[in-house]
Amino acid sequence: MPGIDACLQEAMSLPGARGAAIVDWTSGLALGTAGESPNGDHEATAAETAELARAAAEYTAFAPDTPAPDAPGEETAGQGPPDQATPGHGAPGRDAADKRPPVEDLIVTTRVGYHVLCFVETTFDSSVFLHLWLDRDTGNLALARLRLRQLAERLVLA
């Protein structure tokens, strides 16, 4: 089970990796970084990618909630009607004990690279994601996505 530094080192070993970070999307702070940053500033990149991650995780336009399979059409206990739910927190159909974001990962393609944001499930509030910046010519997007998911599942945050 790798910690932050080992996880980032492993992410940077992927073909085409230019930079990697582990970011808390609630605060926008980088918990760790490696390699380059697209804009030359790891902290600014962390804050900017956190905005994107927060939008994807909190708004139902990106990940509509569905009713629980065992109780179709019923509201989750302790939650009001859908129009009163806070985006991403207590949204209809989501178990209140399930703190996972409804999105697994995000992929942003640019003319020169790919940005892969992979959400990490944690024992606390699950507000952490891995960000990998890949070179478009030498990176392997499919491999990066799969390997980041594996890293996210093994990551130990202490």
N, C-alpha and C. Protein backbone atom coordinates (compact mmCIF):
# COMPACT_ATOMS: atom_id res chain seq x y z
N MET A 1 0.84 -1.17 0.00
CA MET A 1 0.00 0.00 0.00
C MET A 1 0.89 1.25 0.00
N PRO A 2 0.93 1.95 -1.12
CA PRO A 2 1.81 3.11 -1.20
C PRO A 2 1.25 4.34 -0.49
N GLY A 3 2.17 5.15 0.03
CA GLY A 3 1.79 6.45 0.57
C GLY A 3 1.82 7.47 -0.55
N ILE A 4 1.75 8.73 -0.20
CA ILE A 4 1.66 9.79 -1.19
C ILE A 4 2.88 9.82 -2.11
N ASP A 5 4.07 9.82 -1.55
CA ASP A 5 5.28 9.91 -2.37
C ASP A 5 5.43 8.71 -3.29
N ALA A 6 5.21 7.51 -2.78
CA ALA A 6 5.33 6.30 -3.61
C ALA A 6 4.26 6.29 -4.70
N CYS A 7 3.07 6.76 -4.38
CA CYS A 7 1.98 6.81 -5.36
C CYS A 7 2.34 7.77 -6.49
N LEU A 8 2.85 8.94 -6.15
CA LEU A 8 3.24 9.91 -7.17
C LEU A 8 4.39 9.40 -8.03
N GLN A 9 5.34 8.73 -7.40
CA GLN A 9 6.47 8.16 -8.14
C GLN A 9 5.98 7.11 -9.13
N GLU A 10 5.06 6.28 -8.70
CA GLU A 10 4.49 5.27 -9.58
C GLU A 10 3.70 5.90 -10.73
N ALA A 11 2.95 6.95 -10.44
CA ALA A 11 2.20 7.66 -11.48
C ALA A 11 3.16 8.27 -12.51
N MET A 12 4.26 8.80 -12.05
CA MET A 12 5.23 9.42 -12.95
C MET A 12 5.96 8.40 -13.81
N SER A 13 5.90 7.13 -13.46
CA SER A 13 6.54 6.09 -14.27
C SER A 13 5.70 5.69 -15.48
N LEU A 14 4.48 6.20 -15.57
CA LEU A 14 3.61 5.88 -16.71
C LEU A 14 4.14 6.57 -17.97
N PRO A 15 3.97 5.92 -19.13
CA PRO A 15 4.44 6.53 -20.38
C PRO A 15 3.80 7.90 -20.62
N GLY A 16 4.64 8.89 -20.89
CA GLY A 16 4.16 10.22 -21.21
C GLY A 16 3.83 11.09 -20.02
N ALA A 17 4.04 10.61 -18.78
CA ALA A 17 3.70 11.40 -17.59
C ALA A 17 4.56 12.66 -17.53
N ARG A 18 3.92 13.79 -17.38
CA ARG A 18 4.64 15.07 -17.26
C ARG A 18 4.58 15.58 -15.82
N GLY A 19 3.46 15.32 -15.14
CA GLY A 19 3.31 15.78 -13.78
C GLY A 19 2.19 15.04 -13.08
N ALA A 20 2.26 14.99 -11.76
CA ALA A 20 1.24 14.29 -10.98
C ALA A 20 1.05 15.02 -9.66
N ALA A 21 -0.15 14.90 -9.12
CA ALA A 21 -0.44 15.51 -7.82
C ALA A 21 -1.56 14.74 -7.14
N ILE A 22 -1.57 14.83 -5.84
CA ILE A 22 -2.69 14.36 -5.04
C ILE A 22 -3.28 15.61 -4.41
N VAL A 23 -4.56 15.85 -4.67
CA VAL A 23 -5.19 17.11 -4.31
C VAL A 23 -6.44 16.87 -3.48
N ASP A 24 -6.63 17.72 -2.48
CA ASP A 24 -7.87 17.74 -1.71
C ASP A 24 -8.81 18.69 -2.45
N TRP A 25 -9.91 18.16 -3.01
CA TRP A 25 -10.77 19.00 -3.83
C TRP A 25 -11.67 19.92 -3.02
N THR A 26 -11.75 19.73 -1.72
CA THR A 26 -12.51 20.64 -0.88
C THR A 26 -11.75 21.95 -0.68
N SER A 27 -10.46 21.82 -0.36
CA SER A 27 -9.65 23.01 -0.09
C SER A 27 -8.87 23.50 -1.30
N GLY A 28 -8.63 22.62 -2.27
CA GLY A 28 -7.82 22.98 -3.43
C GLY A 28 -6.33 22.89 -3.17
N LEU A 29 -5.94 22.28 -2.06
CA LEU A 29 -4.53 22.17 -1.72
C LEU A 29 -3.94 20.87 -2.22
N ALA A 30 -2.70 20.95 -2.70
CA ALA A 30 -1.97 19.77 -3.12
C ALA A 30 -1.38 19.09 -1.89
N LEU A 31 -1.66 17.79 -1.73
CA LEU A 31 -1.08 17.03 -0.63
C LEU A 31 0.30 16.53 -1.00
N GLY A 32 0.57 16.46 -2.29
CA GLY A 32 1.87 16.06 -2.80
C GLY A 32 1.91 16.29 -4.30
N THR A 33 3.11 16.56 -4.82
CA THR A 33 3.27 16.79 -6.26
C THR A 33 4.55 16.14 -6.75
N ALA A 34 4.60 15.89 -8.06
CA ALA A 34 5.81 15.35 -8.69
C ALA A 34 5.84 15.83 -10.13
N GLY A 35 7.04 15.98 -10.67
CA GLY A 35 7.18 16.36 -12.07
C GLY A 35 6.84 17.82 -12.31
N GLU A 36 6.38 18.10 -13.52
CA GLU A 36 6.07 19.47 -13.94
C GLU A 36 4.62 19.82 -13.62
N SER A 37 4.33 21.11 -13.75
CA SER A 37 2.96 21.60 -13.64
C SER A 37 2.63 22.30 -14.95
N PRO A 38 1.42 22.13 -15.48
CA PRO A 38 1.08 22.74 -16.77
C PRO A 38 1.28 24.25 -16.81
N ASN A 39 1.06 24.92 -15.69
CA ASN A 39 1.20 26.37 -15.68
C ASN A 39 2.42 26.83 -14.88
N GLY A 40 3.28 25.88 -14.50
CA GLY A 40 4.50 26.21 -13.77
C GLY A 40 4.33 26.37 -12.27
N ASP A 41 3.12 26.21 -11.75
CA ASP A 41 2.85 26.40 -10.33
C ASP A 41 1.93 25.27 -9.85
N HIS A 42 2.50 24.34 -9.09
CA HIS A 42 1.73 23.18 -8.62
C HIS A 42 0.52 23.59 -7.78
N GLU A 43 0.68 24.59 -6.92
CA GLU A 43 -0.44 25.00 -6.06
C GLU A 43 -1.58 25.61 -6.86
N ALA A 44 -1.24 26.42 -7.86
CA ALA A 44 -2.29 27.01 -8.71
C ALA A 44 -2.99 25.92 -9.52
N THR A 45 -2.23 24.96 -10.02
CA THR A 45 -2.82 23.85 -10.76
C THR A 45 -3.74 23.04 -9.87
N ALA A 46 -3.32 22.80 -8.62
CA ALA A 46 -4.15 22.05 -7.68
C ALA A 46 -5.48 22.78 -7.44
N ALA A 47 -5.41 24.09 -7.25
CA ALA A 47 -6.63 24.86 -7.01
C ALA A 47 -7.55 24.83 -8.22
N GLU A 48 -6.97 24.94 -9.42
CA GLU A 48 -7.78 24.95 -10.64
C GLU A 48 -8.42 23.59 -10.91
N THR A 49 -7.66 22.52 -10.73
CA THR A 49 -8.22 21.18 -10.96
C THR A 49 -9.24 20.83 -9.88
N ALA A 50 -9.06 21.37 -8.67
CA ALA A 50 -10.03 21.13 -7.60
C ALA A 50 -11.39 21.72 -7.96
N GLU A 51 -11.39 22.86 -8.62
CA GLU A 51 -12.66 23.47 -9.06
C GLU A 51 -13.39 22.54 -10.02
N LEU A 52 -12.66 21.97 -10.95
CA LEU A 52 -13.25 21.03 -11.91
C LEU A 52 -13.76 19.78 -11.21
N ALA A 53 -12.95 19.23 -10.31
CA ALA A 53 -13.35 18.03 -9.58
C ALA A 53 -14.58 18.29 -8.73
N ARG A 54 -14.60 19.43 -8.07
CA ARG A 54 -15.74 19.78 -7.22
C ARG A 54 -17.02 19.89 -8.04
N ALA A 55 -16.94 20.52 -9.19
CA ALA A 55 -18.13 20.67 -10.04
C ALA A 55 -18.64 19.30 -10.49
N ALA A 56 -17.73 18.43 -10.91
CA ALA A 56 -18.14 17.10 -11.38
C ALA A 56 -18.72 16.26 -10.25
N ALA A 57 -18.17 16.39 -9.06
CA ALA A 57 -18.62 15.57 -7.94
C ALA A 57 -19.90 16.08 -7.29
N GLU A 58 -20.15 17.37 -7.39
CA GLU A 58 -21.28 17.94 -6.66
C GLU A 58 -22.54 18.15 -7.48
N TYR A 59 -22.42 18.25 -8.79
CA TYR A 59 -23.59 18.58 -9.58
C TYR A 59 -24.14 17.36 -10.32
N THR A 60 -25.43 17.17 -10.20
CA THR A 60 -26.06 15.99 -10.76
C THR A 60 -26.07 15.97 -12.29
N ALA A 61 -25.72 17.07 -12.93
CA ALA A 61 -25.62 17.07 -14.40
C ALA A 61 -24.53 16.12 -14.86
N PHE A 62 -23.50 15.93 -14.03
CA PHE A 62 -22.39 15.05 -14.38
C PHE A 62 -22.62 13.62 -13.92
N ALA A 63 -23.31 13.45 -12.83
CA ALA A 63 -23.54 12.11 -12.29
C ALA A 63 -24.91 12.07 -11.63
N PRO A 64 -25.97 11.94 -12.44
CA PRO A 64 -27.31 11.91 -11.85
C PRO A 64 -27.45 10.77 -10.85
N ASP A 65 -28.07 11.07 -9.74
CA ASP A 65 -28.31 10.03 -8.74
C ASP A 65 -29.48 9.17 -9.18
N THR A 66 -29.43 7.92 -8.80
CA THR A 66 -30.52 7.01 -9.10
C THR A 66 -31.03 6.42 -7.79
N PRO A 67 -32.30 6.08 -7.73
CA PRO A 67 -32.83 5.48 -6.50
C PRO A 67 -32.11 4.17 -6.18
N ALA A 68 -32.05 3.88 -4.91
CA ALA A 68 -31.44 2.63 -4.47
C ALA A 68 -32.20 1.46 -5.09
N PRO A 69 -31.49 0.37 -5.51
CA PRO A 69 -32.14 -0.74 -6.19
C PRO A 69 -33.23 -1.42 -5.37
N ASP A 70 -33.10 -1.44 -4.03
CA ASP A 70 -34.09 -2.15 -3.23
C ASP A 70 -35.30 -1.29 -2.89
N ALA A 71 -35.27 0.00 -3.22
CA ALA A 71 -36.39 0.87 -2.89
C ALA A 71 -36.61 1.90 -4.00
N PRO A 72 -37.07 1.45 -5.16
CA PRO A 72 -37.24 2.40 -6.26
C PRO A 72 -38.22 3.51 -5.92
N GLY A 73 -37.79 4.74 -6.25
CA GLY A 73 -38.66 5.89 -6.07
C GLY A 73 -38.72 6.44 -4.66
N GLU A 74 -38.09 5.77 -3.69
CA GLU A 74 -38.15 6.24 -2.30
C GLU A 74 -37.00 7.18 -2.03
N GLU A 75 -37.24 8.15 -1.12
CA GLU A 75 -36.17 9.03 -0.70
C GLU A 75 -35.32 8.32 0.33
N THR A 76 -34.03 8.68 0.37
CA THR A 76 -33.15 8.12 1.38
C THR A 76 -33.52 8.73 2.73
N ALA A 77 -33.48 7.93 3.77
CA ALA A 77 -33.87 8.39 5.10
C ALA A 77 -33.11 9.64 5.50
N GLY A 78 -33.83 10.58 6.09
CA GLY A 78 -33.21 11.80 6.59
C GLY A 78 -32.99 12.87 5.53
N GLN A 79 -33.45 12.63 4.32
CA GLN A 79 -33.25 13.62 3.28
C GLN A 79 -34.60 14.16 2.84
N GLY A 80 -34.60 15.40 2.48
CA GLY A 80 -35.83 16.03 2.02
C GLY A 80 -36.10 15.70 0.57
N PRO A 81 -37.08 16.36 0.00
CA PRO A 81 -37.38 16.16 -1.40
C PRO A 81 -36.20 16.56 -2.27
N PRO A 82 -36.14 16.08 -3.52
CA PRO A 82 -35.00 16.36 -4.39
C PRO A 82 -34.66 17.83 -4.54
N ASP A 83 -35.65 18.72 -4.54
CA ASP A 83 -35.34 20.14 -4.74
C ASP A 83 -34.68 20.77 -3.51
N GLN A 84 -34.64 20.05 -2.39
CA GLN A 84 -34.00 20.58 -1.20
C GLN A 84 -32.66 19.95 -0.92
N ALA A 85 -32.23 19.02 -1.75
CA ALA A 85 -30.96 18.34 -1.53
C ALA A 85 -29.80 19.25 -1.94
N THR A 86 -28.73 19.20 -1.17
CA THR A 86 -27.52 19.93 -1.52
C THR A 86 -26.79 19.13 -2.57
N PRO A 87 -26.29 19.78 -3.63
CA PRO A 87 -25.61 19.04 -4.69
C PRO A 87 -24.48 18.17 -4.15
N GLY A 88 -24.52 16.87 -4.48
CA GLY A 88 -23.46 15.96 -4.11
C GLY A 88 -23.50 15.47 -2.67
N HIS A 89 -24.29 16.11 -1.83
CA HIS A 89 -24.34 15.72 -0.43
C HIS A 89 -25.79 15.53 -0.05
N GLY A 90 -26.18 14.30 0.14
CA GLY A 90 -27.56 14.03 0.49
C GLY A 90 -28.47 14.10 -0.70
N ALA A 91 -27.93 13.96 -1.88
CA ALA A 91 -28.78 13.97 -3.07
C ALA A 91 -29.65 12.72 -3.07
N PRO A 92 -30.83 12.78 -3.67
CA PRO A 92 -31.74 11.66 -3.64
C PRO A 92 -31.10 10.39 -4.19
N GLY A 93 -31.41 9.27 -3.54
CA GLY A 93 -30.92 7.99 -4.02
C GLY A 93 -29.53 7.63 -3.54
N ARG A 94 -28.85 8.56 -2.90
CA ARG A 94 -27.52 8.29 -2.37
C ARG A 94 -27.60 7.95 -0.91
N ASP A 95 -26.97 6.88 -0.50
CA ASP A 95 -26.93 6.47 0.88
C ASP A 95 -26.15 7.52 1.68
N ALA A 96 -26.70 7.99 2.78
CA ALA A 96 -26.05 9.02 3.58
C ALA A 96 -24.69 8.55 4.08
N ALA A 97 -24.51 7.24 4.30
CA ALA A 97 -23.23 6.72 4.76
C ALA A 97 -22.22 6.61 3.62
N ASP A 98 -22.68 6.71 2.39
CA ASP A 98 -21.81 6.59 1.22
C ASP A 98 -21.22 7.96 0.91
N LYS A 99 -19.98 8.18 1.34
CA LYS A 99 -19.33 9.48 1.16
C LYS A 99 -18.58 9.57 -0.16
N ARG A 100 -18.61 8.51 -0.96
CA ARG A 100 -17.89 8.52 -2.23
C ARG A 100 -18.50 9.53 -3.19
N PRO A 101 -17.64 10.23 -3.96
CA PRO A 101 -18.22 11.08 -5.00
C PRO A 101 -18.89 10.22 -6.06
N PRO A 102 -19.91 10.73 -6.72
CA PRO A 102 -20.62 9.93 -7.71
C PRO A 102 -19.83 9.75 -9.01
N VAL A 103 -18.70 10.42 -9.13
CA VAL A 103 -17.86 10.35 -10.33
C VAL A 103 -16.61 9.55 -10.01
N GLU A 104 -16.21 8.66 -10.92
CA GLU A 104 -14.98 7.88 -10.70
C GLU A 104 -13.75 8.66 -11.13
N ASP A 105 -13.79 9.20 -12.34
CA ASP A 105 -12.66 9.98 -12.82
C ASP A 105 -13.11 10.95 -13.91
N LEU A 106 -12.22 11.90 -14.22
CA LEU A 106 -12.46 12.88 -15.27
C LEU A 106 -11.28 12.86 -16.22
N ILE A 107 -11.56 13.06 -17.48
CA ILE A 107 -10.49 13.15 -18.48
C ILE A 107 -10.71 14.42 -19.27
N VAL A 108 -9.69 15.26 -19.29
CA VAL A 108 -9.73 16.49 -20.06
C VAL A 108 -8.65 16.38 -21.12
N THR A 109 -9.04 16.54 -22.37
CA THR A 109 -8.05 16.48 -23.45
C THR A 109 -7.77 17.89 -23.95
N THR A 110 -6.52 18.16 -24.18
CA THR A 110 -6.10 19.43 -24.76
C THR A 110 -5.32 19.13 -26.03
N ARG A 111 -4.92 20.14 -26.71
CA ARG A 111 -4.17 19.94 -27.95
C ARG A 111 -2.79 19.32 -27.71
N VAL A 112 -2.25 19.50 -26.52
CA VAL A 112 -0.91 18.98 -26.24
C VAL A 112 -0.87 17.90 -25.17
N GLY A 113 -1.98 17.64 -24.50
CA GLY A 113 -1.92 16.65 -23.43
C GLY A 113 -3.26 16.19 -22.95
N TYR A 114 -3.19 15.34 -21.94
CA TYR A 114 -4.38 14.81 -21.27
C TYR A 114 -4.23 15.08 -19.78
N HIS A 115 -5.36 15.36 -19.14
CA HIS A 115 -5.40 15.48 -17.69
C HIS A 115 -6.38 14.43 -17.20
N VAL A 116 -5.91 13.55 -16.34
CA VAL A 116 -6.76 12.50 -15.78
C VAL A 116 -6.88 12.77 -14.29
N LEU A 117 -8.12 12.94 -13.82
CA LEU A 117 -8.39 13.13 -12.41
C LEU A 117 -9.13 11.89 -11.93
N CYS A 118 -8.55 11.21 -10.98
CA CYS A 118 -9.11 9.97 -10.47
C CYS A 118 -9.44 10.16 -8.98
N PHE A 119 -10.72 10.04 -8.64
CA PHE A 119 -11.15 10.23 -7.26
C PHE A 119 -10.72 9.06 -6.39
N VAL A 120 -10.30 9.37 -5.16
CA VAL A 120 -9.80 8.38 -4.21
C VAL A 120 -10.83 8.21 -3.11
N GLU A 121 -11.20 6.96 -2.84
CA GLU A 121 -12.09 6.69 -1.71
C GLU A 121 -11.22 6.59 -0.45
N THR A 122 -11.63 7.32 0.59
CA THR A 122 -10.90 7.29 1.85
C THR A 122 -11.85 6.95 2.98
N THR A 123 -11.29 6.66 4.14
CA THR A 123 -12.11 6.32 5.30
C THR A 123 -12.75 7.57 5.90
N PHE A 124 -12.21 8.74 5.57
CA PHE A 124 -12.82 9.96 6.08
C PHE A 124 -13.77 10.53 5.04
N ASP A 125 -13.55 11.70 4.47
CA ASP A 125 -14.57 12.34 3.64
C ASP A 125 -14.43 12.14 2.13
N SER A 126 -13.45 11.39 1.68
CA SER A 126 -13.25 11.09 0.25
C SER A 126 -13.26 12.34 -0.62
N SER A 127 -12.48 13.33 -0.22
CA SER A 127 -12.41 14.56 -1.00
C SER A 127 -11.03 14.71 -1.64
N VAL A 128 -10.45 13.59 -2.03
CA VAL A 128 -9.09 13.58 -2.58
C VAL A 128 -9.13 12.97 -3.98
N PHE A 129 -8.30 13.50 -4.87
CA PHE A 129 -8.16 12.90 -6.19
C PHE A 129 -6.70 12.92 -6.63
N LEU A 130 -6.38 11.99 -7.52
CA LEU A 130 -5.08 11.95 -8.18
C LEU A 130 -5.21 12.71 -9.48
N HIS A 131 -4.24 13.55 -9.78
CA HIS A 131 -4.22 14.28 -11.05
C HIS A 131 -2.95 13.89 -11.79
N LEU A 132 -3.11 13.38 -12.99
CA LEU A 132 -1.96 13.03 -13.83
C LEU A 132 -2.04 13.83 -15.11
N TRP A 133 -0.95 14.49 -15.44
CA TRP A 133 -0.84 15.25 -16.68
C TRP A 133 0.04 14.45 -17.63
N LEU A 134 -0.52 14.09 -18.77
CA LEU A 134 0.18 13.26 -19.77
C LEU A 134 0.46 14.05 -21.04
N ASP A 135 1.59 13.78 -21.65
CA ASP A 135 1.90 14.31 -22.96
C ASP A 135 1.02 13.59 -23.98
N ARG A 136 0.43 14.33 -24.89
CA ARG A 136 -0.50 13.74 -25.86
C ARG A 136 0.20 12.79 -26.84
N ASP A 137 1.44 13.10 -27.23
CA ASP A 137 2.14 12.28 -28.22
C ASP A 137 2.70 10.99 -27.64
N THR A 138 3.14 11.01 -26.39
CA THR A 138 3.79 9.83 -25.82
C THR A 138 2.98 9.13 -24.74
N GLY A 139 1.89 9.76 -24.29
CA GLY A 139 1.09 9.17 -23.23
C GLY A 139 0.11 8.12 -23.74
N ASN A 140 -0.26 7.23 -22.87
CA ASN A 140 -1.24 6.19 -23.17
C ASN A 140 -2.42 6.42 -22.22
N LEU A 141 -3.45 7.06 -22.73
CA LEU A 141 -4.59 7.47 -21.92
C LEU A 141 -5.29 6.28 -21.26
N ALA A 142 -5.51 5.22 -22.01
CA ALA A 142 -6.21 4.05 -21.46
C ALA A 142 -5.40 3.41 -20.33
N LEU A 143 -4.11 3.25 -20.55
CA LEU A 143 -3.25 2.66 -19.51
C LEU A 143 -3.21 3.57 -18.28
N ALA A 144 -3.10 4.87 -18.51
CA ALA A 144 -3.04 5.81 -17.39
C ALA A 144 -4.31 5.74 -16.54
N ARG A 145 -5.44 5.68 -17.19
CA ARG A 145 -6.71 5.62 -16.45
C ARG A 145 -6.79 4.35 -15.60
N LEU A 146 -6.42 3.23 -16.18
CA LEU A 146 -6.46 1.97 -15.43
C LEU A 146 -5.47 1.96 -14.27
N ARG A 147 -4.25 2.41 -14.53
CA ARG A 147 -3.23 2.41 -13.48
C ARG A 147 -3.55 3.41 -12.37
N LEU A 148 -4.11 4.56 -12.72
CA LEU A 148 -4.50 5.51 -11.68
C LEU A 148 -5.60 4.94 -10.79
N ARG A 149 -6.54 4.23 -11.37
CA ARG A 149 -7.59 3.59 -10.58
C ARG A 149 -6.97 2.60 -9.60
N GLN A 150 -6.00 1.81 -10.07
CA GLN A 150 -5.32 0.84 -9.20
C GLN A 150 -4.57 1.57 -8.08
N LEU A 151 -3.87 2.65 -8.43
CA LEU A 151 -3.16 3.43 -7.41
C LEU A 151 -4.13 4.01 -6.39
N ALA A 152 -5.24 4.54 -6.87
CA ALA A 152 -6.23 5.14 -5.96
C ALA A 152 -6.77 4.12 -4.99
N GLU A 153 -6.95 2.89 -5.43
CA GLU A 153 -7.47 1.84 -4.55
C GLU A 153 -6.46 1.41 -3.50
N ARG A 154 -5.16 1.55 -3.80
CA ARG A 154 -4.11 1.12 -2.89
C ARG A 154 -3.54 2.24 -2.04
N LEU A 155 -3.84 3.49 -2.41
CA LEU A 155 -3.24 4.64 -1.73
C LEU A 155 -3.60 4.68 -0.25
N VAL A 156 -2.59 4.93 0.57
CA VAL A 156 -2.79 5.08 2.00
C VAL A 156 -2.48 6.52 2.36
N LEU A 157 -3.47 7.21 2.88
CA LEU A 157 -3.28 8.59 3.32
C LEU A 157 -3.18 8.59 4.84
N ALA A 158 -2.04 9.07 5.35
CA ALA A 158 -1.85 9.07 6.80
C ALA A 158 -1.79 10.48 7.32
